[in-house]
Amino acid sequence: MLNTSLAQSVIDHGISLGADFAELFVERSQTNMVSTLSSHVQSVQSGIDFGVGVRLVYGTKVLYGYTNKAEEDELKRIISELAAKDRRDPRISFTNFDYRQVEDKHAANRLLSTDPEVDSKVAFLLATDKAARAASNMISQTRGTCGQVEQKIELFNSEGLHTGDIRNYTRAFLVAIASDGSEQSTGSWNDGGLMGWELVERMNSEAAGKEAARQALVNLSAKPCPSGRMPVVLGNGFGGVIFHEACGHLLETTSVAKKASVFHDKMGEMIANPVVNAVDDGTMIKERGSINIDDEGLDSQRTQLIKDGKLTSFLVDRIGSQQTGFARTGSGRRESYKYAPASRMRNTFIEPGNAELDDMIGSMERGIYASHMGGGSVQPGTGEFNFAVTEGYYVENGKILYPIKAATLISTGPKVLKEISMVGKDFALASGTCGSVSGSIPTTVGQATLKVDDILVGGNA
């Protein structure tokens, strides 16, 4: 996408101004989004974006700018402005690029650049709507979306790296709304991955619609949730969002290097119950958080974060490595050319154990089974969180009694890690999107069902 000699001239200009490291991140992204509202198409949106991100590093200080123009004068102008306050004595540099071909382990088939397949996406969403409505006459409305992105990137840096990659992301979801005339409730379903529209081949529109409707109907019949400290069983799949948000971000060198994480000095120490094993794996085939290379050109990898309760690794990007001394983990990620990369999660999950769901439920005298989790808020640095339960049940004397509504889970990531006493066998992953200092990026969360012995439950019973 960028002429090699042009990139060489621009990179050398940055080094000539005294920068220790210079980088160009070139991106061309094509997007398509199809949305439905109940039985009608609400919108079809498509677009193409192109730009170049310019990064200069002086020591551990990062200077960043971007432009939509791939012209030598424009890129050099940005570099000169970035370096204006940090310019050092001129240095002579002649960067020779060694192009590195990246093996595509996640090759897509039904590409957006070949055919957006709008009719197929509309047909899928309308079929999910039909299935949801057929489940009950109390389903009053649905909202569906199919989004597809094809991102082509190219990297040049002053260490001679020249490489690139093509990433195809596709995701679909449905929200169903149930109403009994006086109250409303919602349920949802979603799926996604690092793949093209062949995602549709593994999705079942009838099952998707029924699942969204089922959850909405359960919530419509739910009773107010009791409050207080009690054990909670967290469901598999998206239940892993709590580990991702309240613990995973504390293991990124973005926070570790600033000592803004409670784990910054805990390497090699027990930070969780010994039953907890946590991983961030960017190599899982066609999972939404996977990448062939990170946004600094390093191969993706599997990183064991916690082993038998012991902290074994952080998530480390280039600057994080310089600041902390830990080796890079292929975790430098960014939303687009408009952001400098930072250490970020990929597919982050707690590995499965040997416990059975019935045993977890049976061990609670009074507690909550949070089978599905939603979003929440997290305090950076401490991991203090407040997460909503989107589908939950009250448990008493080891038996599920009734569904609950308006339940929240309140604690801190470090405390929850130590309160996990049982981890199940029913491992599952769930696709999502994570927002942080380098923008919003595709990620995956996951876990098997697990039991937290003590957590504060907020409710309005």
Protein backbone atom coordinates (compact mmCIF):
# COMPACT_ATOMS: atom_id res chain seq x y z
CA MET A 1 0.00 0.00 0.00
CA LEU A 2 2.97 2.29 0.59
CA ASN A 3 5.95 2.62 -1.71
CA THR A 4 9.01 1.08 -0.02
CA SER A 5 11.42 3.85 -1.02
CA LEU A 6 8.95 6.46 0.25
CA ALA A 7 8.65 4.62 3.57
CA GLN A 8 12.44 4.39 3.82
CA SER A 9 12.83 8.14 3.26
CA VAL A 10 10.18 8.96 5.88
CA ILE A 11 11.57 6.56 8.49
CA ASP A 12 15.10 7.89 7.95
CA HIS A 13 13.80 11.44 8.40
CA GLY A 14 12.48 10.48 11.84
CA ILE A 15 15.78 8.93 12.88
CA SER A 16 17.68 11.96 11.53
CA LEU A 17 15.78 14.05 14.08
CA GLY A 18 17.17 11.96 16.90
CA ALA A 19 14.33 9.49 17.43
CA ASP A 20 15.35 6.12 18.86
CA PHE A 21 12.62 4.36 16.91
CA ALA A 22 10.32 5.29 14.03
CA GLU A 23 7.35 3.40 12.63
CA LEU A 24 4.69 3.71 9.93
CA PHE A 25 1.39 1.86 10.28
CA VAL A 26 -0.60 1.82 7.03
CA GLU A 27 -4.21 0.68 7.02
CA ARG A 28 -7.04 0.26 4.56
CA SER A 29 -10.32 -0.93 6.05
CA GLN A 30 -13.60 -1.77 4.36
CA THR A 31 -16.74 -2.09 6.51
CA ASN A 32 -20.33 -3.23 6.03
CA MET A 33 -23.12 -3.14 8.61
CA VAL A 34 -26.66 -4.45 8.09
CA SER A 35 -29.27 -3.69 10.77
CA THR A 36 -32.86 -4.83 11.16
CA LEU A 37 -35.65 -3.70 13.44
CA SER A 38 -38.19 -6.47 13.89
CA SER A 39 -39.27 -7.62 10.44
CA HIS A 40 -37.76 -4.74 8.50
CA VAL A 41 -34.35 -3.65 7.28
CA GLN A 42 -33.38 -0.57 9.26
CA SER A 43 -30.09 0.36 7.56
CA VAL A 44 -27.26 -0.84 5.35
CA GLN A 45 -24.00 1.05 5.81
CA SER A 46 -20.71 0.58 3.99
CA GLY A 47 -17.46 2.49 3.90
CA ILE A 48 -13.74 2.51 3.18
CA ASP A 49 -11.12 4.21 5.33
CA PHE A 50 -7.42 4.68 4.62
CA GLY A 51 -4.68 6.26 6.67
CA VAL A 52 -1.13 6.18 7.94
CA GLY A 53 -0.10 6.33 11.59
CA VAL A 54 3.33 7.75 12.43
CA ARG A 55 5.07 6.83 15.69
CA LEU A 56 8.32 8.25 17.04
CA VAL A 57 9.93 7.02 20.26
CA TYR A 58 12.42 9.02 22.30
CA GLY A 59 13.48 6.80 25.20
CA THR A 60 10.09 5.69 26.51
CA LYS A 61 8.28 8.82 25.33
CA VAL A 62 5.87 8.11 22.46
CA LEU A 63 4.89 10.74 19.91
CA TYR A 64 2.07 9.88 17.54
CA GLY A 65 0.24 11.43 14.60
CA TYR A 66 -1.77 10.26 11.62
CA THR A 67 -3.00 11.34 8.23
CA ASN A 68 -5.16 10.20 5.33
CA LYS A 69 -2.48 11.22 2.84
CA ALA A 70 0.22 8.74 1.84
CA GLU A 71 2.51 11.43 0.46
CA GLU A 72 6.16 11.83 1.42
CA ASP A 73 5.96 15.57 2.16
CA GLU A 74 2.90 15.10 4.37
CA LEU A 75 4.44 12.24 6.37
CA LYS A 76 7.70 14.12 6.86
CA ARG A 77 5.78 17.21 7.94
CA ILE A 78 4.02 15.18 10.64
CA ILE A 79 7.33 13.75 11.83
CA SER A 80 8.93 17.20 11.97
CA GLU A 81 6.03 18.55 14.02
CA LEU A 82 6.05 15.55 16.37
CA ALA A 83 9.79 15.86 16.94
CA ALA A 84 9.83 19.65 17.33
CA LYS A 85 10.17 19.59 21.13
CA ASP A 86 12.31 16.45 21.36
CA ARG A 87 14.62 16.94 18.42
CA ARG A 88 18.21 15.90 19.07
CA ASP A 89 21.42 16.26 17.12
CA PRO A 90 21.00 15.00 13.54
CA ARG A 91 21.75 11.32 12.95
CA ILE A 92 22.42 9.68 9.61
CA SER A 93 20.36 6.56 8.91
CA PHE A 94 19.77 4.37 5.89
CA THR A 95 17.03 1.90 6.74
CA ASN A 96 17.03 -1.31 4.71
CA PHE A 97 13.76 -3.19 4.90
CA ASP A 98 13.63 -6.96 5.06
CA TYR A 99 10.11 -7.95 4.03
CA ARG A 100 8.65 -10.69 6.19
CA GLN A 101 5.78 -12.71 4.75
CA VAL A 102 3.14 -13.52 7.37
CA GLU A 103 1.50 -16.94 7.35
CA ASP A 104 -2.27 -16.47 7.39
CA LYS A 105 -3.57 -19.03 9.87
CA HIS A 106 -7.11 -17.63 9.70
CA ALA A 107 -7.77 -17.46 5.96
CA ALA A 108 -11.26 -16.19 5.18
CA ASN A 109 -13.49 -17.36 2.34
CA ARG A 110 -16.51 -15.09 1.81
CA LEU A 111 -14.70 -11.76 1.66
CA LEU A 112 -16.24 -8.33 1.98
CA SER A 113 -14.05 -6.97 -0.81
CA THR A 114 -15.35 -9.70 -3.13
CA ASP A 115 -19.05 -9.50 -2.27
CA PRO A 116 -20.73 -7.85 0.76
CA GLU A 117 -23.58 -10.39 0.45
CA VAL A 118 -26.12 -7.94 1.84
CA ASP A 119 -29.08 -10.09 0.77
CA SER A 120 -27.70 -13.08 2.66
CA LYS A 121 -27.18 -11.01 5.82
CA VAL A 122 -30.67 -9.56 5.62
CA ALA A 123 -32.13 -13.05 5.13
CA PHE A 124 -30.28 -14.35 8.19
CA LEU A 125 -31.42 -11.50 10.43
CA LEU A 126 -35.04 -11.70 9.30
CA ALA A 127 -34.98 -15.47 9.91
CA THR A 128 -33.73 -14.89 13.49
CA ASP A 129 -36.53 -12.36 13.99
CA LYS A 130 -39.10 -14.85 12.74
CA ALA A 131 -37.78 -17.56 15.06
CA ALA A 132 -37.84 -15.24 18.06
CA ARG A 133 -41.42 -14.16 17.38
CA ALA A 134 -42.53 -17.73 16.82
CA ALA A 135 -41.26 -18.64 20.29
CA SER A 136 -43.93 -16.53 22.00
CA ASN A 137 -46.53 -13.89 21.23
CA MET A 138 -44.98 -11.87 24.06
CA ILE A 139 -41.91 -11.09 21.92
CA SER A 140 -42.78 -7.56 20.87
CA GLN A 141 -39.65 -6.46 19.04
CA THR A 142 -36.20 -7.54 17.86
CA ARG A 143 -33.03 -5.69 16.82
CA GLY A 144 -30.47 -7.47 14.70
CA THR A 145 -27.06 -6.62 13.27
CA CYS A 146 -24.52 -8.27 10.97
CA GLY A 147 -21.20 -6.44 10.81
CA GLN A 148 -18.20 -7.30 8.64
CA VAL A 149 -14.76 -5.67 8.43
CA GLU A 150 -11.84 -6.36 6.13
CA GLN A 151 -8.69 -4.70 7.46
CA LYS A 152 -5.44 -4.64 5.48
CA ILE A 153 -2.36 -3.39 7.34
CA GLU A 154 1.27 -2.74 6.43
CA LEU A 155 4.11 -1.94 8.85
CA PHE A 156 7.50 -0.31 8.37
CA ASN A 157 9.93 0.52 11.17
CA SER A 158 13.48 1.76 11.72
CA GLU A 159 14.66 -1.73 12.71
CA GLY A 160 14.15 -2.77 9.09
CA LEU A 161 10.83 -4.54 9.57
CA HIS A 162 8.43 -4.51 6.64
CA THR A 163 5.42 -6.77 6.96
CA GLY A 164 1.66 -6.82 6.57
CA ASP A 165 -1.52 -8.75 7.18
CA ILE A 166 -5.18 -8.97 6.18
CA ARG A 167 -7.81 -9.47 8.86
CA ASN A 168 -11.46 -10.32 8.31
CA TYR A 169 -13.86 -9.83 11.21
CA THR A 170 -17.53 -10.78 11.17
CA ARG A 171 -20.08 -10.63 13.97
CA ALA A 172 -23.85 -11.04 14.25
CA PHE A 173 -26.21 -10.45 17.15
CA LEU A 174 -29.89 -10.28 18.00
CA VAL A 175 -31.73 -8.60 20.87
CA ALA A 176 -35.29 -9.70 21.62
CA ILE A 177 -37.73 -7.69 23.72
CA ALA A 178 -40.56 -9.41 25.60
CA SER A 179 -43.58 -7.60 26.99
CA ASP A 180 -46.58 -8.67 29.05
CA GLY A 181 -48.36 -5.32 28.69
CA SER A 182 -46.98 -3.79 31.87
CA GLU A 183 -43.30 -4.75 31.89
CA GLN A 184 -40.58 -5.35 29.34
CA SER A 185 -37.42 -7.43 29.40
CA THR A 186 -34.64 -8.26 26.97
CA GLY A 187 -32.66 -11.27 25.86
CA SER A 188 -29.78 -11.57 23.43
CA TRP A 189 -27.64 -13.84 21.28
CA ASN A 190 -24.40 -13.19 19.37
CA ASP A 191 -21.59 -14.92 17.53
CA GLY A 192 -18.45 -13.72 15.77
CA GLY A 193 -14.94 -14.55 14.73
CA LEU A 194 -11.84 -13.74 12.71
CA MET A 195 -13.43 -14.86 9.46
CA GLY A 196 -15.52 -13.71 6.54
CA TRP A 197 -19.25 -14.16 6.02
CA GLU A 198 -18.67 -17.92 6.14
CA LEU A 199 -19.59 -17.29 9.79
CA VAL A 200 -23.18 -17.79 8.59
CA GLU A 201 -22.38 -21.43 7.86
CA ARG A 202 -21.88 -22.22 11.56
CA MET A 203 -24.79 -20.09 12.79
CA ASN A 204 -28.37 -21.34 13.04
CA SER A 205 -30.96 -18.59 12.65
CA GLU A 206 -33.72 -20.57 14.36
CA ALA A 207 -31.53 -21.42 17.36
CA ALA A 208 -30.32 -17.81 17.57
CA GLY A 209 -33.84 -16.39 17.58
CA LYS A 210 -35.09 -18.94 20.11
CA GLU A 211 -32.18 -18.25 22.48
CA ALA A 212 -32.75 -14.49 22.48
CA ALA A 213 -36.48 -15.05 23.03
CA ARG A 214 -35.89 -17.62 25.77
CA GLN A 215 -33.71 -15.25 27.77
CA ALA A 216 -36.17 -12.37 27.34
CA LEU A 217 -39.07 -14.54 28.56
CA VAL A 218 -37.09 -15.80 31.56
CA ASN A 219 -36.31 -12.23 32.56
CA LEU A 220 -39.95 -11.21 32.11
CA SER A 221 -40.97 -13.74 34.77
CA ALA A 222 -38.05 -12.91 37.10
CA LYS A 223 -38.43 -11.77 40.70
CA PRO A 224 -36.40 -9.05 42.45
CA CYS A 225 -32.93 -10.22 43.48
CA PRO A 226 -31.98 -10.56 47.17
CA SER A 227 -28.93 -8.55 48.21
CA GLY A 228 -25.95 -9.16 50.48
CA ARG A 229 -22.75 -11.17 50.58
CA MET A 230 -23.16 -14.69 49.25
CA PRO A 231 -21.61 -17.30 46.94
CA VAL A 232 -22.24 -16.94 43.20
CA VAL A 233 -21.88 -19.44 40.38
CA LEU A 234 -20.83 -17.66 37.18
CA GLY A 235 -21.93 -19.18 33.88
CA ASN A 236 -19.52 -20.18 31.11
CA GLY A 237 -18.66 -18.19 27.99
CA PHE A 238 -19.39 -14.50 28.50
CA GLY A 239 -19.13 -14.99 32.25
CA GLY A 240 -15.42 -14.51 31.53
CA VAL A 241 -16.06 -10.80 31.02
CA ILE A 242 -15.42 -10.27 34.74
CA PHE A 243 -11.91 -11.74 34.50
CA HIS A 244 -11.27 -9.77 31.31
CA GLU A 245 -12.34 -6.41 32.70
CA ALA A 246 -11.49 -6.63 36.39
CA CYS A 247 -8.26 -8.67 36.15
CA GLY A 248 -7.03 -8.81 32.55
CA HIS A 249 -6.54 -5.06 32.19
CA LEU A 250 -4.47 -5.08 35.39
CA LEU A 251 -2.04 -7.50 33.69
CA GLU A 252 -1.39 -5.23 30.69
CA THR A 253 1.88 -3.30 30.89
CA THR A 254 -0.15 -0.23 29.96
CA SER A 255 -1.11 -0.16 33.66
CA VAL A 256 1.72 -2.29 35.12
CA ALA A 257 4.47 0.07 33.93
CA LYS A 258 2.78 3.03 35.66
CA LYS A 259 2.35 0.97 38.85
CA ALA A 260 -1.35 1.66 38.37
CA SER A 261 -2.06 -2.06 38.77
CA VAL A 262 -2.21 -3.88 42.10
CA PHE A 263 -0.32 -6.71 40.37
CA HIS A 264 2.66 -4.61 39.21
CA ASP A 265 5.01 -6.16 41.80
CA LYS A 266 3.37 -9.59 42.19
CA MET A 267 5.16 -11.59 39.48
CA GLY A 268 5.69 -15.15 40.69
CA GLU A 269 3.32 -14.72 43.64
CA MET A 270 0.01 -16.43 44.37
CA ILE A 271 -2.68 -13.99 43.28
CA ALA A 272 -5.54 -16.49 42.87
CA ASN A 273 -6.91 -19.72 44.24
CA PRO A 274 -4.77 -22.67 43.00
CA VAL A 275 -7.71 -23.90 40.87
CA VAL A 276 -7.34 -20.81 38.64
CA ASN A 277 -5.36 -21.03 35.39
CA ALA A 278 -5.70 -18.05 33.07
CA VAL A 279 -4.49 -17.60 29.49
CA ASP A 280 -4.41 -14.92 26.80
CA ASP A 281 -4.08 -16.72 23.47
CA GLY A 282 -3.87 -14.86 20.17
CA THR A 283 -3.29 -18.00 18.10
CA MET A 284 -6.69 -19.74 18.40
CA ILE A 285 -7.95 -20.44 14.90
CA LYS A 286 -10.54 -17.93 13.69
CA GLU A 287 -11.49 -16.68 17.16
CA ARG A 288 -12.46 -13.02 17.23
CA GLY A 289 -9.49 -11.93 19.36
CA SER A 290 -6.89 -13.83 17.32
CA ILE A 291 -4.24 -12.19 15.13
CA ASN A 292 -1.42 -13.47 12.92
CA ILE A 293 0.80 -10.59 14.01
CA ASP A 294 0.18 -7.79 16.47
CA ASP A 295 0.06 -4.15 15.42
CA GLU A 296 3.81 -3.82 15.99
CA GLY A 297 4.60 -6.71 13.61
CA LEU A 298 5.37 -9.38 16.23
CA ASP A 299 3.96 -12.89 15.86
CA SER A 300 0.97 -13.60 18.05
CA GLN A 301 1.39 -16.17 20.82
CA ARG A 302 -0.25 -18.01 23.70
CA THR A 303 0.57 -16.35 27.03
CA GLN A 304 -0.01 -18.14 30.33
CA LEU A 305 -0.99 -15.36 32.72
CA ILE A 306 -1.80 -17.39 35.83
CA LYS A 307 -0.72 -20.98 36.53
CA ASP A 308 -2.19 -22.82 39.53
CA GLY A 309 -2.98 -19.46 41.09
CA LYS A 310 0.50 -17.98 40.51
CA LEU A 311 1.12 -14.90 38.35
CA THR A 312 3.39 -16.03 35.51
CA SER A 313 3.24 -13.29 32.84
CA PHE A 314 2.03 -9.85 31.91
CA LEU A 315 0.78 -8.74 28.48
CA VAL A 316 3.66 -6.76 27.01
CA ASP A 317 4.03 -4.43 24.03
CA ARG A 318 7.21 -2.69 22.82
CA ILE A 319 7.05 0.32 25.15
CA GLY A 320 5.86 -1.85 28.03
CA SER A 321 8.89 -4.06 27.52
CA GLN A 322 11.22 -1.08 27.64
CA GLN A 323 9.56 0.18 30.80
CA THR A 324 9.30 -3.10 32.71
CA GLY A 325 12.02 -5.33 31.31
CA PHE A 326 9.57 -8.15 30.49
CA ALA A 327 9.69 -9.76 27.04
CA ARG A 328 7.10 -8.74 24.45
CA THR A 329 4.15 -11.11 24.10
CA GLY A 330 2.73 -10.07 20.72
CA SER A 331 0.08 -8.00 22.50
CA GLY A 332 0.60 -4.56 20.90
CA ARG A 333 -2.82 -3.71 19.47
CA ARG A 334 -4.78 -0.70 18.22
CA GLU A 335 -8.18 0.01 16.76
CA SER A 336 -6.81 1.72 13.65
CA TYR A 337 -4.11 3.98 12.25
CA LYS A 338 -5.52 6.75 14.45
CA TYR A 339 -4.09 5.14 17.59
CA ALA A 340 -0.63 4.27 18.87
CA PRO A 341 -0.45 0.60 19.89
CA ALA A 342 -0.66 -0.48 23.53
CA SER A 343 -0.59 -3.78 25.40
CA ARG A 344 -4.04 -5.31 24.97
CA MET A 345 -5.82 -8.63 25.43
CA ARG A 346 -6.70 -11.05 22.62
CA ASN A 347 -8.62 -14.25 23.55
CA THR A 348 -8.55 -14.15 27.35
CA PHE A 349 -10.00 -16.92 29.48
CA ILE A 350 -9.85 -19.07 32.58
CA GLU A 351 -9.01 -22.65 31.61
CA PRO A 352 -11.49 -25.46 32.44
CA GLY A 353 -11.33 -27.56 35.61
CA ASN A 354 -13.06 -30.72 36.80
CA ALA A 355 -16.08 -29.52 38.81
CA GLU A 356 -19.71 -30.26 37.90
CA LEU A 357 -22.41 -27.58 37.75
CA ASP A 358 -24.73 -29.63 39.99
CA ASP A 359 -22.03 -29.81 42.66
CA MET A 360 -21.49 -26.04 42.53
CA ILE A 361 -25.20 -25.33 42.87
CA GLY A 362 -25.59 -28.03 45.52
CA SER A 363 -22.85 -26.47 47.67
CA MET A 364 -24.77 -23.20 48.18
CA GLU A 365 -27.14 -22.70 51.11
CA ARG A 366 -28.13 -19.27 49.77
CA GLY A 367 -26.68 -17.80 46.62
CA ILE A 368 -27.03 -16.78 42.99
CA TYR A 369 -26.49 -18.66 39.74
CA ALA A 370 -25.52 -15.97 37.22
CA SER A 371 -25.87 -17.98 34.02
CA HIS A 372 -25.37 -14.97 31.72
CA MET A 373 -23.43 -11.77 32.38
CA GLY A 374 -23.74 -8.34 30.84
CA GLY A 375 -21.68 -5.18 30.92
CA GLY A 376 -20.57 -3.13 33.85
CA SER A 377 -18.07 -0.60 35.12
CA VAL A 378 -14.51 -1.16 36.33
CA GLN A 379 -12.18 1.18 38.21
CA PRO A 380 -8.77 1.14 36.49
CA GLY A 381 -5.89 0.37 38.78
CA THR A 382 -7.82 -1.42 41.53
CA GLY A 383 -10.09 -3.70 39.52
CA GLU A 384 -13.16 -2.61 41.51
CA PHE A 385 -16.19 -3.63 39.46
CA ASN A 386 -19.95 -3.55 39.23
CA PHE A 387 -21.38 -6.00 36.67
CA ALA A 388 -24.98 -6.68 35.68
CA VAL A 389 -26.42 -10.20 35.58
CA THR A 390 -28.52 -10.52 32.42
CA GLU A 391 -29.91 -13.93 33.37
CA GLY A 392 -29.74 -15.21 36.92
CA TYR A 393 -31.44 -17.52 39.43
CA TYR A 394 -31.83 -17.56 43.19
CA VAL A 395 -30.46 -20.70 44.88
CA GLU A 396 -31.41 -21.95 48.34
CA ASN A 397 -30.39 -25.20 50.04
CA GLY A 398 -28.62 -26.34 46.90
CA LYS A 399 -31.62 -25.91 44.58
CA ILE A 400 -32.50 -23.32 41.94
CA LEU A 401 -35.78 -21.71 43.04
CA TYR A 402 -36.64 -18.90 40.61
CA PRO A 403 -35.18 -16.43 38.08
CA ILE A 404 -34.08 -13.01 39.37
CA LYS A 405 -33.80 -9.54 37.88
CA ALA A 406 -31.84 -6.37 38.56
CA ALA A 407 -28.89 -8.29 40.05
CA THR A 408 -25.40 -6.81 40.15
CA LEU A 409 -22.10 -8.30 41.29
CA ILE A 410 -19.77 -5.98 43.20
CA SER A 411 -16.18 -6.73 44.20
CA THR A 412 -12.59 -6.34 42.99
CA GLY A 413 -10.72 -8.48 40.48
CA PRO A 414 -7.90 -9.40 42.89
CA LYS A 415 -10.41 -10.48 45.56
CA VAL A 416 -12.55 -12.52 43.16
CA LEU A 417 -9.49 -14.46 41.95
CA LYS A 418 -8.90 -15.71 45.48
CA GLU A 419 -12.58 -16.51 46.07
CA ILE A 420 -12.87 -18.88 43.08
CA SER A 421 -13.07 -22.37 44.61
CA MET A 422 -14.49 -24.55 41.82
CA VAL A 423 -14.02 -24.46 38.03
CA GLY A 424 -16.18 -26.60 35.77
CA LYS A 425 -15.65 -28.64 32.60
CA ASP A 426 -18.09 -26.80 30.30
CA PHE A 427 -15.57 -24.40 28.76
CA ALA A 428 -16.91 -21.90 26.23
CA LEU A 429 -15.80 -18.70 24.52
CA ALA A 430 -17.80 -15.59 23.66
CA SER A 431 -16.92 -12.80 21.22
CA GLY A 432 -16.81 -9.16 22.22
CA THR A 433 -15.17 -5.77 21.78
CA CYS A 434 -12.79 -4.16 24.26
CA GLY A 435 -12.19 -0.43 24.66
CA SER A 436 -9.03 1.06 26.15
CA VAL A 437 -6.27 3.59 25.47
CA SER A 438 -5.65 2.34 21.92
CA GLY A 439 -9.30 2.26 20.91
CA SER A 440 -11.86 -0.51 20.52
CA ILE A 441 -10.54 -3.87 19.34
CA PRO A 442 -12.04 -7.33 18.70
CA THR A 443 -11.57 -9.69 21.64
CA THR A 444 -12.86 -12.97 23.03
CA VAL A 445 -13.62 -13.82 26.65
CA GLY A 446 -14.27 -17.22 28.15
CA GLN A 447 -14.36 -19.70 30.99
CA ALA A 448 -16.13 -22.78 32.20
CA THR A 449 -18.83 -22.32 34.83
CA LEU A 450 -17.13 -21.48 38.12
CA LYS A 451 -18.00 -20.78 41.75
CA VAL A 452 -17.04 -17.65 43.66
CA ASP A 453 -17.38 -18.34 47.39
CA ASP A 454 -18.05 -14.79 48.53
CA ILE A 455 -19.13 -11.69 46.61
CA LEU A 456 -21.43 -8.74 47.24
CA VAL A 457 -24.71 -9.08 45.34
CA GLY A 458 -26.78 -5.98 44.75
CA GLY A 459 -30.54 -6.43 44.36
CA ASN A 460 -33.85 -4.74 45.12
CA ALA A 461 -35.79 -7.53 46.87
